[in-house]
Amino acid sequence: MSEIKRYEKGNFFEPFETLRREIERLFDDFGTLGIFENSKTFTMPNLDIYETEKDIVIEADVPGYDKKDINIRLDDDILTISAEKKNDKEEKGRNYIKRERFFGKFERSIRLPDYIDFEKIKAKFKDGVLKIEIPKSLEKAKKFKKINIE
């Protein structure tokens, strides 16, 4: 049976704050329990997609990755960004208190409109941000292409 507690004025939100703290603690503990330590988990990069007069621009946050680890390809109207970051360091004997750094791979696909010039797509990678500029075209593009990163 639950106990009914009486809250004084000004403490109405206290049970909600307690619940929030407990939920945060629960998720903080996931990293120390080793639940996801050897799993094939992945993360998705955050994207901004916007349109200018001449281009469709995609900016993706991919901090911690090297340019050589990132792949971009266009297959018909699907642009796919993928990357893999490997943990090359030997970590035997470490007893982690918290582990938040990500090692693994991701793949993110974006459907593009059919009025792009696939031959002139440019990609740049600087300071952990991948910027893809996709020129607009009056013709429909339905081809496959691997895009090089500058």
Protein backbone atom coordinates (compact mmCIF):
# COMPACT_ATOMS: atom_id res chain seq x y z
CA MET A 1 0.00 0.00 0.00
CA SER A 2 1.38 3.42 -0.93
CA GLU A 3 1.81 6.04 1.68
CA ILE A 4 0.13 9.34 0.96
CA LYS A 5 2.47 12.18 1.75
CA ARG A 6 1.41 15.70 2.42
CA TYR A 7 3.55 18.35 0.76
CA GLU A 8 3.89 21.82 2.10
CA LYS A 9 3.44 24.87 -0.06
CA GLY A 10 6.35 25.38 -2.41
CA ASN A 11 7.27 21.67 -2.49
CA PHE A 12 4.72 20.59 -5.10
CA PHE A 13 7.42 19.72 -7.69
CA GLU A 14 9.71 17.92 -5.24
CA PRO A 15 8.47 14.39 -6.13
CA PHE A 16 9.00 15.14 -9.83
CA GLU A 17 12.52 16.39 -9.14
CA THR A 18 13.26 13.24 -7.14
CA LEU A 19 11.97 11.10 -10.02
CA ARG A 20 14.12 13.04 -12.52
CA ARG A 21 17.25 12.52 -10.38
CA GLU A 22 16.55 8.79 -10.06
CA ILE A 23 16.05 8.39 -13.81
CA GLU A 24 19.31 10.26 -14.50
CA ARG A 25 21.12 8.05 -11.99
CA LEU A 26 19.69 4.94 -13.64
CA PHE A 27 20.97 5.95 -17.08
CA ASP A 28 24.32 7.07 -15.67
CA ASP A 29 24.73 3.61 -14.16
CA PHE A 30 24.29 1.86 -17.53
CA GLY A 31 27.87 2.79 -18.45
CA THR A 32 29.31 1.26 -15.28
CA LEU A 33 27.33 -1.97 -15.45
CA GLY A 34 29.03 -3.12 -18.65
CA ILE A 35 25.69 -3.75 -20.33
CA PHE A 36 26.72 -2.12 -23.60
CA GLU A 37 30.47 -2.66 -23.30
CA ASN A 38 30.88 -5.31 -25.99
CA SER A 39 27.70 -4.77 -27.93
CA LYS A 40 27.51 -3.49 -31.48
CA THR A 41 25.83 -0.25 -30.50
CA PHE A 42 26.05 2.75 -32.76
CA THR A 43 25.31 6.40 -32.73
CA MET A 44 23.89 8.64 -35.40
CA PRO A 45 25.48 11.97 -36.25
CA ASN A 46 23.40 15.07 -35.76
CA LEU A 47 22.46 16.67 -39.09
CA ASP A 48 21.44 20.05 -40.38
CA ILE A 49 19.95 20.01 -43.87
CA TYR A 50 19.14 23.28 -45.55
CA GLU A 51 18.58 24.67 -48.99
CA THR A 52 20.20 27.69 -50.62
CA GLU A 53 19.36 29.17 -53.98
CA LYS A 54 21.84 26.85 -55.73
CA ASP A 55 22.47 23.94 -53.35
CA ILE A 56 21.11 21.53 -50.82
CA VAL A 57 23.57 21.50 -47.93
CA ILE A 58 24.02 18.76 -45.33
CA GLU A 59 26.18 19.36 -42.27
CA ALA A 60 26.90 16.40 -40.02
CA ASP A 61 28.66 16.40 -36.66
CA VAL A 62 31.20 13.57 -36.70
CA PRO A 63 33.71 14.52 -34.00
CA GLY A 64 36.52 12.12 -33.27
CA TYR A 65 36.49 10.55 -36.73
CA ASP A 66 39.29 10.87 -39.28
CA LYS A 67 38.45 11.88 -42.83
CA LYS A 68 39.74 8.50 -44.08
CA ASP A 69 37.17 6.69 -41.90
CA ILE A 70 34.16 8.49 -43.42
CA ASN A 71 32.39 7.29 -46.59
CA ILE A 72 29.72 9.07 -48.59
CA ARG A 73 27.85 7.48 -51.47
CA LEU A 74 24.85 8.35 -53.59
CA ASP A 75 22.65 5.57 -54.92
CA ASP A 76 19.75 6.95 -56.95
CA ASP A 77 18.20 9.51 -54.62
CA ILE A 78 19.64 8.09 -51.37
CA LEU A 79 22.76 9.75 -49.92
CA THR A 80 24.45 7.56 -47.32
CA ILE A 81 27.06 8.73 -44.82
CA SER A 82 28.91 5.99 -42.97
CA ALA A 83 31.99 5.82 -40.77
CA GLU A 84 33.81 3.53 -38.40
CA LYS A 85 36.00 4.44 -35.45
CA LYS A 86 38.09 1.65 -33.99
CA ASN A 87 39.54 1.51 -30.52
CA ASP A 88 43.14 0.54 -31.20
CA LYS A 89 44.30 0.80 -27.60
CA GLU A 90 44.68 -2.25 -25.39
CA GLU A 91 42.44 -1.70 -22.37
CA LYS A 92 42.94 -4.82 -20.29
CA GLY A 93 42.93 -4.24 -16.57
CA ARG A 94 40.98 -0.98 -16.71
CA ASN A 95 38.09 -0.69 -14.31
CA TYR A 96 35.94 2.06 -15.81
CA ILE A 97 33.88 4.24 -13.53
CA LYS A 98 32.20 5.84 -16.53
CA ARG A 99 32.66 5.16 -20.22
CA GLU A 100 31.08 7.53 -22.71
CA ARG A 101 33.51 7.65 -25.62
CA PHE A 102 32.10 5.86 -28.63
CA PHE A 103 33.91 3.34 -30.79
CA GLY A 104 32.04 1.62 -33.54
CA LYS A 105 30.29 2.47 -36.76
CA PHE A 106 27.27 4.31 -38.02
CA GLU A 107 25.37 4.66 -41.25
CA ARG A 108 22.90 7.42 -41.97
CA SER A 109 20.84 7.67 -45.16
CA ILE A 110 18.99 10.70 -46.45
CA ARG A 111 16.53 10.71 -49.33
CA LEU A 112 17.30 13.59 -51.67
CA PRO A 113 15.01 15.31 -54.12
CA ASP A 114 15.39 14.18 -57.72
CA TYR A 115 16.54 17.58 -59.00
CA ILE A 116 20.23 17.39 -58.03
CA ASP A 117 23.43 17.45 -60.08
CA PHE A 118 25.11 14.30 -58.77
CA GLU A 119 28.31 14.95 -60.78
CA LYS A 120 29.12 18.14 -58.87
CA ILE A 121 28.55 17.06 -55.25
CA LYS A 122 31.30 18.33 -52.95
CA ALA A 123 32.16 17.24 -49.43
CA LYS A 124 34.50 18.90 -46.94
CA PHE A 125 35.55 17.76 -43.49
CA LYS A 126 36.90 20.25 -40.97
CA ASP A 127 36.97 20.34 -37.16
CA GLY A 128 34.67 17.34 -36.82
CA VAL A 129 31.99 18.70 -39.16
CA LEU A 130 31.25 17.09 -42.52
CA LYS A 131 29.71 19.52 -45.01
CA ILE A 132 28.14 18.16 -48.20
CA GLU A 133 27.06 20.60 -50.90
CA ILE A 134 24.67 19.18 -53.48
CA PRO A 135 24.02 21.46 -56.47
CA LYS A 136 20.47 21.65 -57.77
CA SER A 137 19.71 20.73 -61.36
CA LEU A 138 16.76 20.87 -63.71
CA GLU A 139 17.32 17.24 -64.70
CA LYS A 140 16.51 14.20 -62.61
CA ALA A 141 19.51 12.31 -61.22
CA LYS A 142 19.30 8.52 -60.93
CA LYS A 143 22.84 7.22 -60.71
CA PHE A 144 25.37 5.79 -58.29
CA LYS A 145 28.42 7.71 -57.14
CA LYS A 146 31.01 7.54 -54.35
CA ILE A 147 31.81 11.06 -53.17
CA ASN A 148 35.37 12.03 -52.23
CA ILE A 149 35.94 14.21 -49.18
CA GLU A 150 38.30 17.18 -49.49
